[in-house]
C-alpha atoms as a PDB file:
ATOM      1  CA  MET A   1    -122.832 -65.807 -21.847  1.00  0.00           C
ATOM      2  CA  TYR A   2    -125.562 -68.223 -22.858  1.00  0.00           C
ATOM      3  CA  LYS A   3    -125.658 -71.752 -21.443  1.00  0.00           C
ATOM      4  CA  GLY A   4    -127.194 -73.341 -24.539  1.00  0.00           C
ATOM      5  CA  ALA A   5    -130.120 -73.162 -26.917  1.00  0.00           C
ATOM      6  CA  ILE A   6    -133.800 -74.023 -27.070  1.00  0.00           C
ATOM      7  CA  LEU A   7    -135.201 -74.602 -30.570  1.00  0.00           C
ATOM      8  CA  CYS A   8    -138.885 -74.249 -31.468  1.00  0.00           C
ATOM      9  CA  VAL A   9    -140.092 -75.711 -34.772  1.00  0.00           C
ATOM     10  CA  ASP A  10    -143.546 -75.056 -36.213  1.00  0.00           C
ATOM     11  CA  ASP A  11    -144.857 -74.167 -39.664  1.00  0.00           C
ATOM     12  CA  GLU A  12    -147.122 -71.474 -38.166  1.00  0.00           C
ATOM     13  CA  ARG A  13    -145.335 -68.183 -37.488  1.00  0.00           C
ATOM     14  CA  ILE A  14    -147.931 -67.098 -34.890  1.00  0.00           C
ATOM     15  CA  ILE A  15    -147.180 -70.219 -32.816  1.00  0.00           C
ATOM     16  CA  LEU A  16    -143.435 -69.525 -32.999  1.00  0.00           C
ATOM     17  CA  GLU A  17    -143.922 -65.894 -31.947  1.00  0.00           C
ATOM     18  CA  SER A  18    -146.041 -66.985 -28.993  1.00  0.00           C
ATOM     19  CA  LEU A  19    -143.398 -69.507 -27.945  1.00  0.00           C
ATOM     20  CA  LYS A  20    -140.633 -66.926 -28.363  1.00  0.00           C
ATOM     21  CA  ASN A  21    -142.489 -64.480 -26.102  1.00  0.00           C
ATOM     22  CA  GLN A  22    -143.256 -67.067 -23.411  1.00  0.00           C
ATOM     23  CA  LEU A  23    -139.856 -68.726 -23.433  1.00  0.00           C
ATOM     24  CA  GLY A  24    -137.976 -65.470 -23.861  1.00  0.00           C
ATOM     25  CA  GLN A  25    -139.480 -64.094 -20.652  1.00  0.00           C
ATOM     26  CA  GLU A  26    -138.541 -67.223 -18.727  1.00  0.00           C
ATOM     27  CA  PHE A  27    -135.269 -68.332 -20.353  1.00  0.00           C
ATOM     28  CA  GLY A  28    -134.076 -65.462 -22.555  1.00  0.00           C
ATOM     29  CA  LYS A  29    -131.303 -64.285 -20.244  1.00  0.00           C
ATOM     30  CA  GLU A  30    -129.783 -67.780 -19.910  1.00  0.00           C
ATOM     31  CA  TYR A  31    -130.503 -69.539 -23.181  1.00  0.00           C
ATOM     32  CA  ILE A  32    -130.676 -68.722 -26.881  1.00  0.00           C
ATOM     33  CA  ILE A  33    -134.232 -69.143 -28.182  1.00  0.00           C
ATOM     34  CA  GLU A  34    -134.205 -70.186 -31.857  1.00  0.00           C
ATOM     35  CA  LEU A  35    -137.210 -70.461 -34.188  1.00  0.00           C
ATOM     36  CA  ALA A  36    -137.624 -72.552 -37.339  1.00  0.00           C
ATOM     37  CA  LEU A  37    -140.562 -72.687 -39.758  1.00  0.00           C
ATOM     38  CA  SER A  38    -139.600 -76.144 -41.054  1.00  0.00           C
ATOM     39  CA  ALA A  39    -137.612 -79.225 -40.184  1.00  0.00           C
ATOM     40  CA  ASP A  40    -135.001 -78.329 -42.816  1.00  0.00           C
ATOM     41  CA  GLU A  41    -134.562 -74.880 -41.291  1.00  0.00           C
ATOM     42  CA  ALA A  42    -134.294 -76.473 -37.833  1.00  0.00           C
ATOM     43  CA  LEU A  43    -131.481 -78.759 -38.994  1.00  0.00           C
ATOM     44  CA  GLU A  44    -129.645 -75.763 -40.487  1.00  0.00           C
ATOM     45  CA  ILE A  45    -129.962 -73.864 -37.190  1.00  0.00           C
ATOM     46  CA  ILE A  46    -128.636 -76.896 -35.296  1.00  0.00           C
ATOM     47  CA  ASP A  47    -125.654 -77.125 -37.651  1.00  0.00           C
ATOM     48  CA  ASP A  48    -124.953 -73.394 -37.208  1.00  0.00           C
ATOM     49  CA  LEU A  49    -125.158 -73.616 -33.419  1.00  0.00           C
ATOM     50  CA  GLN A  50    -122.886 -76.650 -33.350  1.00  0.00           C
ATOM     51  CA  SER A  51    -120.313 -74.829 -35.484  1.00  0.00           C
ATOM     52  CA  GLU A  52    -120.396 -72.054 -32.874  1.00  0.00           C
ATOM     53  CA  SER A  53    -120.028 -74.620 -30.044  1.00  0.00           C
ATOM     54  CA  VAL A  54    -123.482 -73.813 -28.646  1.00  0.00           C
ATOM     55  CA  SER A  55    -125.157 -76.775 -26.937  1.00  0.00           C
ATOM     56  CA  MET A  56    -128.636 -77.685 -28.093  1.00  0.00           C
ATOM     57  CA  LEU A  57    -130.616 -78.418 -24.932  1.00  0.00           C
ATOM     58  CA  VAL A  58    -134.280 -78.709 -25.923  1.00  0.00           C
ATOM     59  CA  VAL A  59    -136.160 -79.093 -29.213  1.00  0.00           C
ATOM     60  CA  ILE A  60    -139.894 -78.367 -29.241  1.00  0.00           C
ATOM     61  CA  SER A  61    -141.488 -79.436 -32.503  1.00  0.00           C
ATOM     62  CA  ASP A  62    -144.904 -79.506 -34.090  1.00  0.00           C
ATOM     63  CA  TRP A  63    -145.814 -82.933 -35.462  1.00  0.00           C
ATOM     64  CA  LEU A  64    -147.754 -82.099 -38.632  1.00  0.00           C
ATOM     65  CA  MET A  65    -145.613 -79.925 -40.903  1.00  0.00           C
ATOM     66  CA  PRO A  66    -145.110 -79.826 -44.664  1.00  0.00           C
ATOM     67  CA  GLY A  67    -142.113 -81.820 -45.858  1.00  0.00           C
ATOM     68  CA  MET A  68    -140.486 -83.564 -42.924  1.00  0.00           C
ATOM     69  CA  LYS A  69    -142.885 -84.190 -40.020  1.00  0.00           C
ATOM     70  CA  GLY A  70    -141.913 -83.627 -36.406  1.00  0.00           C
ATOM     71  CA  ASP A  71    -141.365 -87.307 -35.665  1.00  0.00           C
ATOM     72  CA  GLU A  72    -138.865 -87.596 -38.521  1.00  0.00           C
ATOM     73  CA  LEU A  73    -137.118 -84.438 -37.361  1.00  0.00           C
ATOM     74  CA  LEU A  74    -136.776 -85.697 -33.793  1.00  0.00           C
ATOM     75  CA  LEU A  75    -135.430 -89.036 -35.021  1.00  0.00           C
ATOM     76  CA  GLU A  76    -132.768 -87.159 -37.014  1.00  0.00           C
ATOM     77  CA  ILE A  77    -131.890 -84.928 -34.047  1.00  0.00           C
ATOM     78  CA  HIS A  78    -131.704 -87.939 -31.730  1.00  0.00           C
ATOM     79  CA  GLN A  79    -129.218 -89.650 -34.042  1.00  0.00           C
ATOM     80  CA  ARG A  80    -127.006 -86.553 -33.927  1.00  0.00           C
ATOM     81  CA  MET A  81    -127.535 -85.539 -30.300  1.00  0.00           C
ATOM     82  CA  PRO A  82    -129.268 -88.168 -28.155  1.00  0.00           C
ATOM     83  CA  GLN A  83    -128.938 -86.056 -24.994  1.00  0.00           C
ATOM     84  CA  VAL A  84    -131.227 -83.285 -26.296  1.00  0.00           C
ATOM     85  CA  ALA A  85    -134.647 -83.097 -24.615  1.00  0.00           C
ATOM     86  CA  LYS A  86    -137.347 -83.623 -27.243  1.00  0.00           C
ATOM     87  CA  ILE A  87    -140.927 -82.339 -26.962  1.00  0.00           C
ATOM     88  CA  ILE A  88    -143.826 -82.560 -29.419  1.00  0.00           C
ATOM     89  CA  LEU A  89    -146.227 -79.597 -29.210  1.00  0.00           C
ATOM     90  CA  SER A  90    -149.059 -80.243 -31.621  1.00  0.00           C
ATOM     91  CA  GLY A  91    -152.758 -79.857 -32.251  1.00  0.00           C
ATOM     92  CA  GLN A  92    -152.774 -83.209 -33.969  1.00  0.00           C
ATOM     93  CA  ALA A  93    -150.411 -86.108 -33.874  1.00  0.00           C
ATOM     94  CA  ASP A  94    -150.493 -89.725 -34.876  1.00  0.00           C
ATOM     95  CA  GLU A  95    -150.715 -91.818 -31.704  1.00  0.00           C
ATOM     96  CA  SER A  96    -148.452 -94.543 -33.085  1.00  0.00           C
ATOM     97  CA  SER A  97    -145.825 -91.927 -34.016  1.00  0.00           C
ATOM     98  CA  ILE A  98    -145.880 -90.501 -30.502  1.00  0.00           C
ATOM     99  CA  LYS A  99    -145.525 -93.994 -29.024  1.00  0.00           C
ATOM    100  CA  MET A 100    -142.600 -94.707 -31.370  1.00  0.00           C
ATOM    101  CA  LEU A 101    -140.936 -91.433 -30.345  1.00  0.00           C
ATOM    102  CA  HIS A 102    -141.205 -92.358 -26.666  1.00  0.00           C
ATOM    103  CA  GLU A 103    -139.481 -95.663 -27.423  1.00  0.00           C
ATOM    104  CA  LYS A 104    -136.855 -94.619 -29.975  1.00  0.00           C
ATOM    105  CA  VAL A 105    -135.841 -91.086 -28.982  1.00  0.00           C
ATOM    106  CA  GLN A 106    -136.920 -90.881 -25.342  1.00  0.00           C
ATOM    107  CA  LEU A 107    -139.542 -88.241 -26.154  1.00  0.00           C
ATOM    108  CA  GLN A 108    -139.826 -86.173 -23.034  1.00  0.00           C
ATOM    109  CA  LYS A 109    -143.429 -85.149 -23.525  1.00  0.00           C
ATOM    110  CA  PHE A 110    -146.312 -84.727 -25.951  1.00  0.00           C
ATOM    111  CA  ILE A 111    -148.168 -81.478 -25.265  1.00  0.00           C
ATOM    112  CA  ALA A 112    -151.462 -80.726 -27.013  1.00  0.00           C
ATOM    113  CA  LYS A 113    -152.190 -77.301 -28.468  1.00  0.00           C
ATOM    114  CA  PRO A 114    -153.356 -75.020 -27.031  1.00  0.00           C
ATOM    115  CA  TRP A 115    -150.745 -75.414 -24.327  1.00  0.00           C
ATOM    116  CA  LYS A 116    -150.389 -73.942 -20.872  1.00  0.00           C
ATOM    117  CA  ALA A 117    -147.244 -71.801 -20.617  1.00  0.00           C
ATOM    118  CA  GLU A 118    -146.545 -72.915 -17.031  1.00  0.00           C
ATOM    119  CA  GLU A 119    -146.669 -76.598 -18.023  1.00  0.00           C
ATOM    120  CA  LEU A 120    -144.368 -76.051 -21.000  1.00  0.00           C
ATOM    121  CA  ILE A 121    -141.860 -74.086 -18.933  1.00  0.00           C
ATOM    122  CA  THR A 122    -141.827 -76.787 -16.238  1.00  0.00           C
ATOM    123  CA  ILE A 123    -141.231 -79.482 -18.867  1.00  0.00           C
ATOM    124  CA  ILE A 124    -138.428 -77.470 -20.483  1.00  0.00           C
ATOM    125  CA  ARG A 125    -136.757 -76.964 -17.089  1.00  0.00           C
ATOM    126  CA  GLU A 126    -136.895 -80.734 -16.484  1.00  0.00           C
ATOM    127  CA  GLY A 127    -135.449 -81.385 -19.924  1.00  0.00           C
ATOM    128  CA  ILE A 128    -132.547 -78.994 -19.324  1.00  0.00           C
ATOM    129  CA  ARG A 129    -131.878 -80.480 -15.887  1.00  0.00           C
ATOM    130  CA  HIS A 130    -131.838 -84.086 -17.153  1.00  0.00           C
ATOM    131  CA  GLY A 131    -130.181 -83.414 -20.507  1.00  0.00           C
END
């Protein structure tokens, strides 16, 4: 039985596959690892998980994506589920948006791409523990 879900959102499939491999090795036996190529897809996955009574624990999102950007997505998620740990993983992000996310949605961390797997895993563990 899974204890909850971790959602990764990025418009680059190669990034999502890398995250799935890294997180799957570390968390795959305990948590569902979900992948979304867009903010809209992420919100659909969240709705599906909620309908199945699966707790969303952590959302890791890119910032610069077509359509809805990562900051808008995390604001939407925070309104629905303020307890979810929120992480931005991005090669580029607007500094003022990151500051706003820290203030408005209690952004757990901004991590620059390329990331270190150990750092990301540590941050996810902290998010799960405090969520």
